[in-house]
């Protein structure tokens, strides 16, 4: 089985529609327009990312471990890269030759991971240099194994 499967155009449109509708996503590189999403009825926490690049290397491992704890072995989740190809991703499968097709660290684009039912969401913001964890189950899983790159809390709700 392949770990990264490119979304069809229909799947791509459905994933983005689901995300835009739920979080009123408004991409922006201007601080006055951040956080770029509205989390209304869900618990969330937004962490600033530390300036130490060395701390970024453990982020992949933490994300994979957390996602594995939340996702069944055969389940794929959405892995979205704003205005680029998007994929189905299974954290239980090895990456193979694709490495990190969509990374967890926001290095210039919004990277978003969530299951088909959007019961939780990992949202990384490239210009704010932040990660927002949405839904208590995801928050608790990350806090239990908090990556070193997660710095201070910027927002919570």
N, C-alpha and C. Protein backbone atom coordinates (compact mmCIF):
# COMPACT_ATOMS: atom_id res chain seq x y z
N UNK A 1 0.84 -1.19 0.00
CA UNK A 1 0.00 0.00 0.00
C UNK A 1 0.88 1.25 0.00
N UNK A 2 0.40 2.25 -0.67
CA UNK A 2 1.15 3.49 -0.76
C UNK A 2 0.72 4.43 0.37
N UNK A 3 1.67 5.16 0.89
CA UNK A 3 1.41 6.06 2.00
C UNK A 3 0.79 7.38 1.54
N UNK A 4 1.27 7.93 0.45
CA UNK A 4 0.78 9.22 -0.06
C UNK A 4 0.06 8.95 -1.38
N UNK A 5 -1.24 9.20 -1.40
CA UNK A 5 -2.04 8.99 -2.60
C UNK A 5 -2.65 10.34 -3.00
N UNK A 6 -2.32 10.80 -4.19
CA UNK A 6 -2.80 12.11 -4.62
C UNK A 6 -4.33 12.10 -4.73
N UNK A 7 -4.95 13.17 -4.23
CA UNK A 7 -6.40 13.31 -4.32
C UNK A 7 -6.82 13.54 -5.76
N UNK A 8 -7.95 12.96 -6.14
CA UNK A 8 -8.54 13.28 -7.43
C UNK A 8 -9.06 14.71 -7.36
N UNK A 9 -9.41 15.28 -8.49
CA UNK A 9 -9.94 16.65 -8.47
C UNK A 9 -11.21 16.74 -7.62
N UNK A 10 -12.07 15.74 -7.70
CA UNK A 10 -13.30 15.73 -6.89
C UNK A 10 -12.96 15.66 -5.41
N UNK A 11 -12.04 14.78 -5.03
CA UNK A 11 -11.63 14.66 -3.63
C UNK A 11 -10.98 15.95 -3.14
N UNK A 12 -10.15 16.55 -3.98
CA UNK A 12 -9.49 17.81 -3.68
C UNK A 12 -10.54 18.89 -3.37
N UNK A 13 -11.50 19.03 -4.27
CA UNK A 13 -12.56 20.03 -4.10
C UNK A 13 -13.37 19.77 -2.84
N UNK A 14 -13.71 18.50 -2.58
CA UNK A 14 -14.48 18.15 -1.38
C UNK A 14 -13.71 18.46 -0.10
N UNK A 15 -12.43 18.13 -0.08
CA UNK A 15 -11.61 18.37 1.11
C UNK A 15 -11.52 19.86 1.42
N UNK A 16 -11.22 20.66 0.40
CA UNK A 16 -11.11 22.10 0.63
C UNK A 16 -12.46 22.72 0.98
N UNK A 17 -13.53 22.26 0.36
CA UNK A 17 -14.85 22.78 0.70
C UNK A 17 -15.18 22.47 2.16
N UNK A 18 -14.90 21.26 2.59
CA UNK A 18 -15.13 20.88 3.98
C UNK A 18 -14.34 21.78 4.92
N UNK A 19 -13.06 21.99 4.61
CA UNK A 19 -12.21 22.81 5.47
C UNK A 19 -12.64 24.28 5.46
N UNK A 20 -12.85 24.85 4.28
CA UNK A 20 -13.26 26.26 4.17
C UNK A 20 -14.58 26.49 4.91
N UNK A 21 -15.55 25.60 4.71
CA UNK A 21 -16.86 25.78 5.34
C UNK A 21 -16.78 25.68 6.86
N UNK A 22 -16.02 24.75 7.37
CA UNK A 22 -15.95 24.54 8.81
C UNK A 22 -15.19 25.66 9.52
N UNK A 23 -14.09 26.13 8.91
CA UNK A 23 -13.21 27.08 9.60
C UNK A 23 -13.12 28.45 8.94
N UNK A 24 -13.95 28.72 7.95
CA UNK A 24 -13.97 30.03 7.28
C UNK A 24 -12.54 30.48 6.93
N UNK A 25 -11.81 29.58 6.31
CA UNK A 25 -10.40 29.79 5.99
C UNK A 25 -10.21 30.99 5.08
N UNK A 26 -9.36 31.93 5.53
CA UNK A 26 -9.01 33.12 4.75
C UNK A 26 -7.49 33.27 4.78
N UNK A 27 -6.82 32.69 3.79
CA UNK A 27 -5.36 32.76 3.75
C UNK A 27 -4.89 34.21 3.69
N UNK A 28 -3.84 34.52 4.45
CA UNK A 28 -3.30 35.87 4.45
C UNK A 28 -1.91 35.88 5.06
N UNK A 29 -1.03 36.70 4.49
CA UNK A 29 0.29 36.88 5.07
C UNK A 29 0.37 38.15 5.93
N UNK A 30 -0.78 38.80 6.13
CA UNK A 30 -0.84 40.02 6.95
C UNK A 30 -1.28 39.71 8.37
N UNK A 31 -0.47 40.09 9.36
CA UNK A 31 -0.80 39.79 10.76
C UNK A 31 -2.19 40.27 11.21
N UNK A 32 -2.67 41.36 10.63
CA UNK A 32 -3.99 41.85 11.05
C UNK A 32 -5.11 40.91 10.62
N UNK A 33 -4.83 40.00 9.71
CA UNK A 33 -5.84 39.04 9.25
C UNK A 33 -5.67 37.64 9.84
N UNK A 34 -4.75 37.48 10.74
CA UNK A 34 -4.53 36.18 11.35
C UNK A 34 -5.52 35.97 12.47
N UNK A 35 -5.89 34.78 12.75
CA UNK A 35 -5.22 33.51 12.52
C UNK A 35 -5.56 32.81 11.22
N UNK A 36 -6.32 33.37 10.32
CA UNK A 36 -6.68 32.79 9.01
C UNK A 36 -7.79 31.74 9.08
N UNK A 37 -8.10 31.24 10.27
CA UNK A 37 -9.23 30.33 10.44
C UNK A 37 -10.04 30.80 11.64
N UNK A 38 -11.32 30.43 11.64
CA UNK A 38 -12.20 30.71 12.77
C UNK A 38 -12.61 29.38 13.39
N UNK A 39 -12.23 29.20 14.63
CA UNK A 39 -12.64 27.99 15.34
C UNK A 39 -13.73 28.42 16.31
N UNK A 40 -14.96 28.03 16.00
CA UNK A 40 -16.10 28.55 16.75
C UNK A 40 -16.58 27.60 17.84
N UNK A 41 -16.92 26.40 17.48
CA UNK A 41 -17.54 25.49 18.45
C UNK A 41 -16.59 24.42 18.99
N UNK A 42 -15.33 24.50 18.67
CA UNK A 42 -14.40 23.45 19.06
C UNK A 42 -13.31 23.99 19.97
N UNK A 43 -12.76 23.11 20.79
CA UNK A 43 -11.61 23.47 21.59
C UNK A 43 -10.40 23.52 20.66
N UNK A 44 -9.50 24.46 20.92
CA UNK A 44 -8.29 24.55 20.12
C UNK A 44 -7.19 25.21 20.93
N UNK A 45 -5.97 25.02 20.47
CA UNK A 45 -4.82 25.71 21.04
C UNK A 45 -3.85 25.98 19.89
N UNK A 46 -3.30 27.19 19.86
CA UNK A 46 -2.33 27.57 18.84
C UNK A 46 -0.99 27.80 19.50
N UNK A 47 0.01 27.05 19.04
CA UNK A 47 1.37 27.18 19.54
C UNK A 47 2.22 27.97 18.57
N UNK A 48 3.01 28.91 19.08
CA UNK A 48 4.06 29.52 18.26
C UNK A 48 5.13 28.47 18.06
N UNK A 49 5.83 28.55 16.96
CA UNK A 49 6.93 27.64 16.71
C UNK A 49 8.23 28.32 17.10
N UNK A 50 9.08 27.61 17.81
CA UNK A 50 10.33 28.20 18.27
C UNK A 50 11.22 28.53 17.08
N UNK A 51 12.16 29.43 17.30
CA UNK A 51 13.07 29.86 16.25
C UNK A 51 14.21 28.89 16.01
N UNK A 52 14.29 27.87 16.81
CA UNK A 52 15.40 26.92 16.70
C UNK A 52 15.04 25.82 15.71
N UNK A 53 15.68 25.85 14.56
CA UNK A 53 15.40 24.87 13.52
C UNK A 53 15.70 23.46 13.99
N UNK A 54 16.69 23.31 14.87
CA UNK A 54 17.04 21.98 15.39
C UNK A 54 15.84 21.30 16.03
N UNK A 55 14.94 22.09 16.59
CA UNK A 55 13.76 21.52 17.24
C UNK A 55 12.72 21.03 16.23
N UNK A 56 12.86 21.43 14.97
CA UNK A 56 11.88 21.03 13.95
C UNK A 56 12.02 19.57 13.58
N UNK A 57 13.22 19.02 13.72
CA UNK A 57 13.42 17.65 13.25
C UNK A 57 12.60 16.63 14.02
N UNK A 58 12.25 16.92 15.27
CA UNK A 58 11.45 15.94 16.00
C UNK A 58 9.96 16.11 15.74
N UNK A 59 9.55 17.15 15.03
CA UNK A 59 8.14 17.39 14.77
C UNK A 59 7.52 16.27 13.94
N UNK A 60 8.22 15.82 12.92
CA UNK A 60 7.69 14.73 12.08
C UNK A 60 7.39 13.50 12.92
N UNK A 61 8.33 13.12 13.75
CA UNK A 61 8.15 11.93 14.58
C UNK A 61 6.97 12.08 15.53
N UNK A 62 6.85 13.24 16.16
CA UNK A 62 5.74 13.47 17.09
C UNK A 62 4.40 13.42 16.36
N UNK A 63 4.33 14.09 15.20
CA UNK A 63 3.07 14.10 14.46
C UNK A 63 2.67 12.70 14.04
N UNK A 64 3.61 11.94 13.51
CA UNK A 64 3.30 10.57 13.10
C UNK A 64 2.80 9.77 14.29
N UNK A 65 3.48 9.86 15.43
CA UNK A 65 3.07 9.11 16.62
C UNK A 65 1.67 9.51 17.08
N UNK A 66 1.40 10.81 17.12
CA UNK A 66 0.08 11.27 17.54
C UNK A 66 -0.99 10.82 16.55
N UNK A 67 -0.74 11.02 15.26
CA UNK A 67 -1.74 10.62 14.27
C UNK A 67 -1.98 9.12 14.31
N UNK A 68 -0.94 8.33 14.54
CA UNK A 68 -1.12 6.88 14.66
C UNK A 68 -2.04 6.54 15.83
N UNK A 69 -1.96 7.33 16.90
CA UNK A 69 -2.80 7.05 18.07
C UNK A 69 -4.27 7.41 17.82
N UNK A 70 -4.53 8.23 16.81
CA UNK A 70 -5.88 8.71 16.53
C UNK A 70 -6.52 8.06 15.30
N UNK A 71 -5.72 7.37 14.50
CA UNK A 71 -6.18 6.87 13.21
C UNK A 71 -6.03 5.35 13.17
N UNK A 72 -7.05 4.67 12.67
CA UNK A 72 -6.97 3.21 12.50
C UNK A 72 -5.90 2.88 11.46
N UNK A 73 -5.33 1.68 11.58
CA UNK A 73 -4.22 1.28 10.70
C UNK A 73 -4.55 1.39 9.21
N UNK A 74 -5.78 1.15 8.84
CA UNK A 74 -6.14 1.18 7.42
C UNK A 74 -6.70 2.54 6.99
N UNK A 75 -6.78 3.50 7.91
CA UNK A 75 -7.42 4.78 7.63
C UNK A 75 -6.44 5.78 7.02
N UNK A 76 -6.93 6.49 6.03
CA UNK A 76 -6.18 7.59 5.43
C UNK A 76 -6.83 8.89 5.87
N UNK A 77 -6.01 9.91 6.05
CA UNK A 77 -6.52 11.24 6.39
C UNK A 77 -6.14 12.20 5.26
N UNK A 78 -6.81 13.34 5.24
CA UNK A 78 -6.45 14.37 4.27
C UNK A 78 -5.13 15.02 4.68
N UNK A 79 -4.30 15.28 3.70
CA UNK A 79 -3.06 16.05 3.87
C UNK A 79 -3.12 17.13 2.80
N UNK A 80 -3.41 18.36 3.24
CA UNK A 80 -3.63 19.45 2.30
C UNK A 80 -2.46 20.43 2.32
N UNK A 81 -2.11 20.89 1.14
CA UNK A 81 -1.07 21.89 0.94
C UNK A 81 -1.73 22.97 0.09
N UNK A 82 -1.96 24.13 0.68
CA UNK A 82 -2.74 25.17 0.03
C UNK A 82 -2.18 25.52 -1.35
N UNK A 83 -3.04 25.47 -2.35
CA UNK A 83 -2.77 25.78 -3.75
C UNK A 83 -1.74 24.84 -4.40
N UNK A 84 -1.63 23.63 -3.88
CA UNK A 84 -0.73 22.63 -4.45
C UNK A 84 -1.45 21.28 -4.46
N UNK A 85 -0.76 20.27 -4.94
CA UNK A 85 -1.32 18.92 -4.90
C UNK A 85 -1.59 18.54 -3.45
N UNK A 86 -2.67 17.80 -3.26
CA UNK A 86 -3.05 17.33 -1.92
C UNK A 86 -3.19 15.81 -1.96
N UNK A 87 -3.16 15.19 -0.76
CA UNK A 87 -3.03 13.74 -0.71
C UNK A 87 -3.88 13.12 0.38
N UNK A 88 -4.08 11.81 0.22
CA UNK A 88 -4.50 10.95 1.32
C UNK A 88 -3.20 10.51 1.98
N UNK A 89 -3.18 10.49 3.30
CA UNK A 89 -1.97 10.13 4.04
C UNK A 89 -2.32 9.12 5.12
N UNK A 90 -1.52 8.06 5.23
CA UNK A 90 -1.71 7.08 6.29
C UNK A 90 -0.47 7.08 7.17
N UNK A 91 -0.57 7.54 8.41
CA UNK A 91 0.59 7.64 9.30
C UNK A 91 1.16 6.28 9.71
N UNK A 92 0.43 5.21 9.48
CA UNK A 92 0.90 3.88 9.86
C UNK A 92 1.82 3.26 8.82
N UNK A 93 1.82 3.80 7.62
CA UNK A 93 2.63 3.24 6.54
C UNK A 93 3.95 3.99 6.41
N UNK A 94 5.01 3.30 6.00
CA UNK A 94 6.29 4.00 5.80
C UNK A 94 6.19 4.97 4.63
N UNK A 95 6.99 6.01 4.67
CA UNK A 95 6.95 7.04 3.62
C UNK A 95 7.47 6.56 2.28
N UNK A 96 8.30 5.56 2.26
CA UNK A 96 8.85 5.08 1.00
C UNK A 96 9.72 6.14 0.35
N UNK A 97 9.64 6.25 -0.96
CA UNK A 97 10.52 7.19 -1.67
C UNK A 97 9.95 8.60 -1.73
N UNK A 98 8.79 8.83 -1.17
CA UNK A 98 8.18 10.16 -1.23
C UNK A 98 8.64 11.09 -0.11
N UNK A 99 9.31 10.57 0.90
CA UNK A 99 9.70 11.37 2.06
C UNK A 99 8.46 12.07 2.60
N UNK A 100 8.60 13.36 2.95
CA UNK A 100 7.44 14.10 3.47
C UNK A 100 6.83 14.89 2.33
N UNK A 101 5.87 14.28 1.67
CA UNK A 101 5.21 14.92 0.55
C UNK A 101 4.59 16.24 1.00
N UNK A 102 3.94 16.20 2.13
CA UNK A 102 3.44 17.42 2.78
C UNK A 102 3.98 17.39 4.21
N UNK A 103 4.84 18.34 4.53
CA UNK A 103 5.46 18.33 5.86
C UNK A 103 4.52 18.86 6.94
N UNK A 104 4.95 18.68 8.16
CA UNK A 104 4.17 19.19 9.29
C UNK A 104 4.61 20.59 9.68
N UNK A 105 5.84 20.93 9.33
CA UNK A 105 6.38 22.26 9.62
C UNK A 105 6.01 23.20 8.48
N UNK A 106 5.36 24.33 8.78
CA UNK A 106 4.90 25.24 7.73
C UNK A 106 6.04 26.06 7.13
N UNK A 107 6.67 25.56 6.09
CA UNK A 107 7.83 26.21 5.52
C UNK A 107 7.52 27.07 4.29
N UNK A 108 6.39 27.71 4.29
CA UNK A 108 6.03 28.59 3.18
C UNK A 108 4.60 28.42 2.70
N UNK A 109 3.93 27.38 3.17
CA UNK A 109 2.54 27.14 2.80
C UNK A 109 1.76 26.67 4.02
N UNK A 110 0.45 26.76 3.89
CA UNK A 110 -0.42 26.18 4.92
C UNK A 110 -0.42 24.67 4.71
N UNK A 111 -0.18 23.91 5.77
CA UNK A 111 -0.26 22.46 5.73
C UNK A 111 -1.31 22.03 6.74
N UNK A 112 -2.22 21.19 6.28
CA UNK A 112 -3.40 20.87 7.08
C UNK A 112 -3.64 19.37 7.01
N UNK A 113 -3.89 18.77 8.17
CA UNK A 113 -4.17 17.33 8.25
C UNK A 113 -5.45 17.13 9.04
N UNK A 114 -6.36 16.30 8.51
CA UNK A 114 -7.58 15.98 9.24
C UNK A 114 -8.21 14.72 8.65
N UNK A 115 -8.98 13.99 9.47
CA UNK A 115 -9.68 12.80 8.97
C UNK A 115 -10.89 13.20 8.14
N UNK A 116 -11.46 12.24 7.43
CA UNK A 116 -12.59 12.48 6.52
C UNK A 116 -13.76 13.17 7.21
N UNK A 117 -13.98 12.85 8.49
CA UNK A 117 -15.11 13.44 9.21
C UNK A 117 -14.73 14.75 9.92
N UNK A 118 -13.51 15.20 9.75
CA UNK A 118 -13.00 16.42 10.35
C UNK A 118 -13.23 16.47 11.86
N UNK A 119 -13.08 15.31 12.52
CA UNK A 119 -13.30 15.28 13.97
C UNK A 119 -12.13 15.89 14.73
N UNK A 120 -11.00 16.12 14.07
CA UNK A 120 -9.88 16.87 14.60
C UNK A 120 -9.11 17.47 13.43
N UNK A 121 -8.23 18.43 13.73
CA UNK A 121 -7.50 19.10 12.66
C UNK A 121 -6.16 19.64 13.16
N UNK A 122 -5.14 19.45 12.35
CA UNK A 122 -3.80 20.01 12.56
C UNK A 122 -3.62 21.06 11.47
N UNK A 123 -3.47 22.32 11.87
CA UNK A 123 -3.40 23.45 10.92
C UNK A 123 -2.11 24.22 11.18
N UNK A 124 -1.22 24.25 10.18
CA UNK A 124 0.03 25.01 10.35
C UNK A 124 0.00 26.25 9.47
N UNK A 125 0.40 27.36 10.07
CA UNK A 125 0.34 28.68 9.43
C UNK A 125 1.76 29.15 9.12
N UNK A 126 2.08 29.35 7.83
CA UNK A 126 3.46 29.65 7.45
C UNK A 126 3.97 31.02 7.86
N UNK A 127 3.13 32.03 7.86
CA UNK A 127 3.61 33.37 8.16
C UNK A 127 3.53 33.69 9.64
N UNK A 128 2.56 33.15 10.31
CA UNK A 128 2.49 33.33 11.76
C UNK A 128 3.49 32.40 12.45
N UNK A 129 3.96 31.39 11.73
CA UNK A 129 4.86 30.37 12.27
C UNK A 129 4.22 29.72 13.49
N UNK A 130 3.07 29.12 13.21
CA UNK A 130 2.30 28.52 14.30
C UNK A 130 1.65 27.21 13.85
N UNK A 131 1.21 26.46 14.84
CA UNK A 131 0.42 25.26 14.61
C UNK A 131 -0.80 25.34 15.52
N UNK A 132 -1.98 25.13 14.92
CA UNK A 132 -3.21 25.10 15.69
C UNK A 132 -3.71 23.66 15.73
N UNK A 133 -3.97 23.19 16.93
CA UNK A 133 -4.52 21.86 17.15
C UNK A 133 -5.98 22.03 17.52
N UNK A 134 -6.87 21.38 16.78
CA UNK A 134 -8.30 21.56 16.99
C UNK A 134 -8.92 20.25 17.44
N UNK A 135 -9.64 20.32 18.51
CA UNK A 135 -10.37 19.24 19.19
C UNK A 135 -9.51 18.68 20.32
N UNK A 136 -10.13 18.54 21.46
CA UNK A 136 -9.44 18.15 22.69
C UNK A 136 -8.63 16.86 22.57
N UNK A 137 -9.14 15.88 21.84
CA UNK A 137 -8.44 14.61 21.68
C UNK A 137 -7.05 14.82 21.05
N UNK A 138 -6.97 15.66 20.04
CA UNK A 138 -5.70 15.97 19.38
C UNK A 138 -4.81 16.80 20.30
N UNK A 139 -5.38 17.77 20.96
CA UNK A 139 -4.62 18.63 21.87
C UNK A 139 -3.97 17.79 22.97
N UNK A 140 -4.76 16.94 23.60
CA UNK A 140 -4.23 16.10 24.69
C UNK A 140 -3.13 15.17 24.20
N UNK A 141 -3.30 14.62 23.01
CA UNK A 141 -2.28 13.73 22.46
C UNK A 141 -0.97 14.47 22.22
N UNK A 142 -1.03 15.69 21.75
CA UNK A 142 0.19 16.47 21.51
C UNK A 142 0.81 16.96 22.81
N UNK A 143 0.00 17.40 23.74
CA UNK A 143 0.55 17.90 25.01
C UNK A 143 1.25 16.77 25.76
N UNK A 144 0.71 15.58 25.63
CA UNK A 144 1.32 14.41 26.27
C UNK A 144 2.72 14.15 25.72
N UNK A 145 2.92 14.45 24.45
CA UNK A 145 4.21 14.25 23.79
C UNK A 145 4.62 15.54 23.08
N UNK A 146 4.60 16.67 23.78
CA UNK A 146 4.80 17.97 23.16
C UNK A 146 6.15 18.09 22.44
N UNK A 147 6.11 18.39 21.14
CA UNK A 147 7.36 18.58 20.40
C UNK A 147 8.13 19.79 20.92
N UNK A 148 9.44 19.72 20.88
CA UNK A 148 10.28 20.82 21.37
C UNK A 148 10.03 22.12 20.61
N UNK A 149 9.63 22.01 19.35
CA UNK A 149 9.43 23.21 18.54
C UNK A 149 8.17 23.98 18.94
N UNK A 150 7.24 23.33 19.65
CA UNK A 150 6.05 24.04 20.12
C UNK A 150 6.47 24.94 21.27
N UNK A 151 6.35 26.22 21.05
CA UNK A 151 6.78 27.22 22.02
C UNK A 151 5.57 27.68 22.84
N UNK A 152 5.43 28.96 23.02
CA UNK A 152 4.34 29.50 23.83
C UNK A 152 2.99 29.34 23.15
N UNK A 153 1.95 29.38 23.94
CA UNK A 153 0.59 29.33 23.42
C UNK A 153 0.20 30.74 22.99
N UNK A 154 -0.23 30.89 21.76
CA UNK A 154 -0.65 32.18 21.22
C UNK A 154 -2.14 32.42 21.48
N UNK A 155 -2.94 31.37 21.23
CA UNK A 155 -4.39 31.46 21.41
C UNK A 155 -4.91 30.13 21.89
N UNK A 156 -6.06 30.18 22.53
CA UNK A 156 -6.77 28.95 22.89
C UNK A 156 -8.24 29.27 23.03
N UNK A 157 -9.01 28.25 22.86
CA UNK A 157 -10.45 28.45 22.97
C UNK A 157 -11.13 27.16 23.32
